[in-house]
């Protein structure tokens, strides 16, 4: 049976990582998620990761971080270099879901693009509208989104309700809408590199509180 590996992940990826665990039988994957709300305070992410890695280091031979850079300007990489851990490649989840080459093409086609994932389509008001105060002051739309032209929904699953939520989000922001089904992209391949595609141990995954 493979040795357990701890994945320290952004809470915005919990559902996707669990889906991949079940798809590939990664029963030795143990998951610890930090709050997705930290993306509104990226300066706090690096030290939260450091504390989490140190808290669980004695329990695991291997710890992998399911974050991209996520607006930390290299802060996550500095912490991981000091703590001897690795992370997913990329600047943000949009890049690793779409794939680096495809995301570069999207950015080149229309620099003024706002992106949604399944998580953000599901929690659009909670993570976009309310934190920006647009529920109370819709007139701030131009201040935040005046330079945007398009909303691209990078879907991980084929879910008609999420697709409709993404369409409503684009309408609310007064942006053109495009849907691209990306699947799990480089989140899947990055985790597979750490866990292997063919491990089928019987140990139950523990989601740590």
Protein backbone atom coordinates (compact mmCIF):
# COMPACT_ATOMS: atom_id res chain seq x y z
CA UNK A 1 0.00 0.00 0.00
CA UNK A 2 1.45 3.40 -0.91
CA UNK A 3 2.55 5.69 1.87
CA UNK A 4 0.06 8.49 2.60
CA UNK A 5 0.78 11.86 1.04
CA UNK A 6 -0.66 15.10 2.34
CA UNK A 7 -2.04 17.57 -0.18
CA UNK A 8 -2.38 21.09 1.22
CA UNK A 9 -4.83 22.79 -1.09
CA UNK A 10 -6.84 25.92 -1.64
CA UNK A 11 -10.40 25.33 -0.50
CA UNK A 12 -11.56 26.34 -3.98
CA UNK A 13 -10.07 23.05 -5.25
CA UNK A 14 -11.46 20.67 -2.62
CA UNK A 15 -14.34 19.35 -4.74
CA UNK A 16 -12.11 18.87 -7.78
CA UNK A 17 -9.35 17.08 -5.86
CA UNK A 18 -11.86 14.77 -4.23
CA UNK A 19 -13.36 13.97 -7.66
CA UNK A 20 -9.90 13.09 -8.97
CA UNK A 21 -9.17 10.99 -5.89
CA UNK A 22 -12.28 8.93 -6.58
CA UNK A 23 -11.61 8.72 -10.33
CA UNK A 24 -8.07 7.39 -9.95
CA UNK A 25 -8.36 5.53 -6.65
CA UNK A 26 -5.89 7.79 -4.88
CA UNK A 27 -6.87 6.40 -1.51
CA UNK A 28 -3.53 7.36 0.07
CA UNK A 29 -4.26 11.04 -0.57
CA UNK A 30 -4.98 12.98 2.63
CA UNK A 31 -6.35 16.46 2.07
CA UNK A 32 -6.02 19.63 4.14
CA UNK A 33 -7.66 22.74 2.69
CA UNK A 34 -7.02 26.35 3.61
CA UNK A 35 -9.96 28.77 3.31
CA UNK A 36 -10.75 29.84 -0.24
CA UNK A 37 -11.38 33.33 1.17
CA UNK A 38 -7.60 33.77 1.46
CA UNK A 39 -7.63 34.66 -2.24
CA UNK A 40 -9.07 37.99 -1.18
CA UNK A 41 -6.05 38.37 1.14
CA UNK A 42 -3.19 36.77 -0.83
CA UNK A 43 -0.51 38.26 1.41
CA UNK A 44 -1.64 35.80 4.10
CA UNK A 45 -1.44 32.63 2.02
CA UNK A 46 2.30 31.97 2.24
CA UNK A 47 2.56 31.99 6.01
CA UNK A 48 -0.62 29.97 6.41
CA UNK A 49 0.97 27.36 4.16
CA UNK A 50 4.16 27.43 6.20
CA UNK A 51 2.28 26.84 9.44
CA UNK A 52 0.26 24.01 7.92
CA UNK A 53 3.32 22.26 6.47
CA UNK A 54 5.12 22.47 9.80
CA UNK A 55 2.08 21.25 11.71
CA UNK A 56 1.81 18.04 9.66
CA UNK A 57 5.41 17.43 8.62
CA UNK A 58 6.05 14.80 11.31
CA UNK A 59 3.03 12.78 10.12
CA UNK A 60 3.91 12.58 6.40
CA UNK A 61 6.99 11.74 4.39
CA UNK A 62 5.58 13.75 1.48
CA UNK A 63 3.61 17.00 1.43
CA UNK A 64 2.49 18.61 -1.84
CA UNK A 65 0.84 22.02 -2.20
CA UNK A 66 -2.13 22.41 -4.53
CA UNK A 67 -1.78 26.13 -5.07
CA UNK A 68 -0.43 28.10 -7.99
CA UNK A 69 1.32 31.40 -7.22
CA UNK A 70 -2.14 32.88 -6.58
CA UNK A 71 -1.14 36.53 -6.42
CA UNK A 72 1.57 36.06 -3.81
CA UNK A 73 4.35 37.47 -6.07
CA UNK A 74 6.59 34.48 -5.40
CA UNK A 75 5.75 34.29 -1.71
CA UNK A 76 4.51 30.71 -1.90
CA UNK A 77 7.63 29.60 -3.76
CA UNK A 78 9.91 31.18 -1.16
CA UNK A 79 8.12 29.37 1.64
CA UNK A 80 8.14 26.05 -0.20
CA UNK A 81 11.86 26.35 -0.96
CA UNK A 82 12.50 26.87 2.75
CA UNK A 83 10.17 24.06 3.81
CA UNK A 84 11.20 21.53 1.17
CA UNK A 85 7.84 21.16 -0.57
CA UNK A 86 6.57 21.56 -4.14
CA UNK A 87 3.43 23.03 -5.68
CA UNK A 88 1.39 22.97 -8.85
CA UNK A 89 2.97 24.90 -11.70
CA UNK A 90 1.37 28.10 -12.89
CA UNK A 91 0.37 31.58 -11.88
CA UNK A 92 -3.25 30.79 -10.94
CA UNK A 93 -5.91 28.10 -11.22
CA UNK A 94 -7.20 29.47 -14.54
CA UNK A 95 -3.83 28.70 -16.07
CA UNK A 96 -3.56 25.15 -14.84
CA UNK A 97 -7.19 24.34 -15.64
CA UNK A 98 -6.93 25.69 -19.19
CA UNK A 99 -3.34 24.54 -19.65
CA UNK A 100 -0.50 27.01 -19.93
CA UNK A 101 -0.45 27.17 -23.72
CA UNK A 102 -4.20 27.52 -24.11
CA UNK A 103 -4.39 30.12 -21.36
CA UNK A 104 -1.64 32.15 -23.04
CA UNK A 105 -3.68 32.05 -26.25
CA UNK A 106 -6.81 33.23 -24.41
CA UNK A 107 -4.92 36.08 -22.79
CA UNK A 108 -3.48 37.10 -26.12
CA UNK A 109 -6.85 36.97 -27.87
CA UNK A 110 -8.51 39.24 -25.31
CA UNK A 111 -6.42 40.68 -22.45
CA UNK A 112 -9.57 42.12 -20.92
CA UNK A 113 -10.98 38.77 -19.86
CA UNK A 114 -12.44 37.80 -16.50
CA UNK A 115 -12.36 34.07 -15.74
CA UNK A 116 -14.64 31.76 -13.81
CA UNK A 117 -14.13 28.17 -12.71
CA UNK A 118 -16.80 25.80 -11.41
CA UNK A 119 -16.07 27.03 -7.91
CA UNK A 120 -16.51 30.69 -8.83
CA UNK A 121 -19.60 29.99 -10.91
CA UNK A 122 -21.06 28.23 -7.87
CA UNK A 123 -20.07 30.99 -5.42
CA UNK A 124 -20.00 34.08 -7.63
CA UNK A 125 -21.83 36.43 -5.28
CA UNK A 126 -19.86 35.26 -2.25
CA UNK A 127 -16.41 35.65 -3.81
CA UNK A 128 -16.91 38.43 -6.37
CA UNK A 129 -20.02 40.53 -5.88
CA UNK A 130 -20.09 40.92 -2.09
CA UNK A 131 -16.33 41.35 -1.47
CA UNK A 132 -16.24 44.12 -4.09
CA UNK A 133 -19.33 45.77 -2.62
CA UNK A 134 -21.24 45.49 -5.88
CA UNK A 135 -24.33 44.24 -4.06
CA UNK A 136 -24.48 47.55 -2.20
CA UNK A 137 -22.95 49.84 -4.81
CA UNK A 138 -23.59 48.49 -8.33
CA UNK A 139 -22.31 51.79 -9.72
CA UNK A 140 -18.80 50.53 -8.90
CA UNK A 141 -19.07 48.07 -11.77
CA UNK A 142 -17.19 50.38 -14.16
CA UNK A 143 -14.45 51.03 -11.61
CA UNK A 144 -13.72 47.32 -11.28
CA UNK A 145 -14.68 45.94 -14.69
CA UNK A 146 -14.61 48.89 -17.07
CA UNK A 147 -11.51 47.52 -18.82
CA UNK A 148 -12.89 44.00 -19.19
CA UNK A 149 -14.62 42.86 -22.35
CA UNK A 150 -15.36 39.17 -21.88
CA UNK A 151 -16.06 36.55 -19.23
CA UNK A 152 -14.69 33.08 -19.96
CA UNK A 153 -16.09 30.19 -17.96
CA UNK A 154 -13.52 27.37 -17.74
CA UNK A 155 -15.70 24.49 -16.62
CA UNK A 156 -14.36 21.42 -14.88
CA UNK A 157 -17.67 19.52 -15.13
CA UNK A 158 -20.62 19.49 -17.51
CA UNK A 159 -23.26 21.03 -15.25
CA UNK A 160 -26.15 22.95 -16.79
CA UNK A 161 -26.85 24.81 -13.54
CA UNK A 162 -23.29 26.06 -13.28
CA UNK A 163 -23.31 27.05 -16.94
CA UNK A 164 -26.42 29.13 -16.33
CA UNK A 165 -24.84 30.67 -13.22
CA UNK A 166 -21.82 31.65 -15.30
CA UNK A 167 -24.05 33.22 -17.94
CA UNK A 168 -25.84 35.24 -15.26
CA UNK A 169 -22.47 36.35 -13.88
CA UNK A 170 -21.42 37.64 -17.30
CA UNK A 171 -24.72 39.48 -17.67
CA UNK A 172 -24.37 41.00 -14.21
CA UNK A 173 -20.91 42.29 -15.10
CA UNK A 174 -22.09 43.37 -18.58
CA UNK A 175 -19.46 41.23 -20.30
CA UNK A 176 -19.56 39.01 -23.37
CA UNK A 177 -19.74 35.34 -22.45
CA UNK A 178 -17.70 32.35 -23.60
CA UNK A 179 -17.73 28.81 -22.26
CA UNK A 180 -14.75 26.49 -22.59
CA UNK A 181 -14.85 23.04 -21.02
CA UNK A 182 -11.34 22.53 -19.68
CA UNK A 183 -11.88 19.55 -17.40
CA UNK A 184 -9.28 19.32 -14.64
CA UNK A 185 -6.35 20.22 -16.87
CA UNK A 186 -2.96 20.40 -15.22
CA UNK A 187 -4.48 20.01 -11.77
CA UNK A 188 -5.00 16.38 -12.74
CA UNK A 189 -1.59 15.86 -14.33
CA UNK A 190 0.18 17.70 -11.51
CA UNK A 191 -1.42 15.55 -8.85
CA UNK A 192 -0.89 12.41 -10.94
CA UNK A 193 2.83 13.15 -11.04
CA UNK A 194 2.84 13.10 -7.25
CA UNK A 195 0.42 10.27 -6.60
CA UNK A 196 0.60 8.00 -9.63
CA UNK A 197 -2.34 7.06 -11.80
CA UNK A 198 -2.70 3.42 -10.82
CA UNK A 199 -2.64 3.30 -7.01
CA UNK A 200 -5.70 1.52 -5.71
CA UNK A 201 -5.07 1.06 -2.01
CA UNK A 202 -8.06 0.50 0.23
CA UNK A 203 -7.29 3.12 2.86
CA UNK A 204 -10.04 5.73 3.18
CA UNK A 205 -9.11 9.33 2.46
CA UNK A 206 -9.10 11.53 5.52
CA UNK A 207 -10.15 15.15 5.17
CA UNK A 208 -8.45 16.94 8.04
CA UNK A 209 -10.38 19.51 10.00
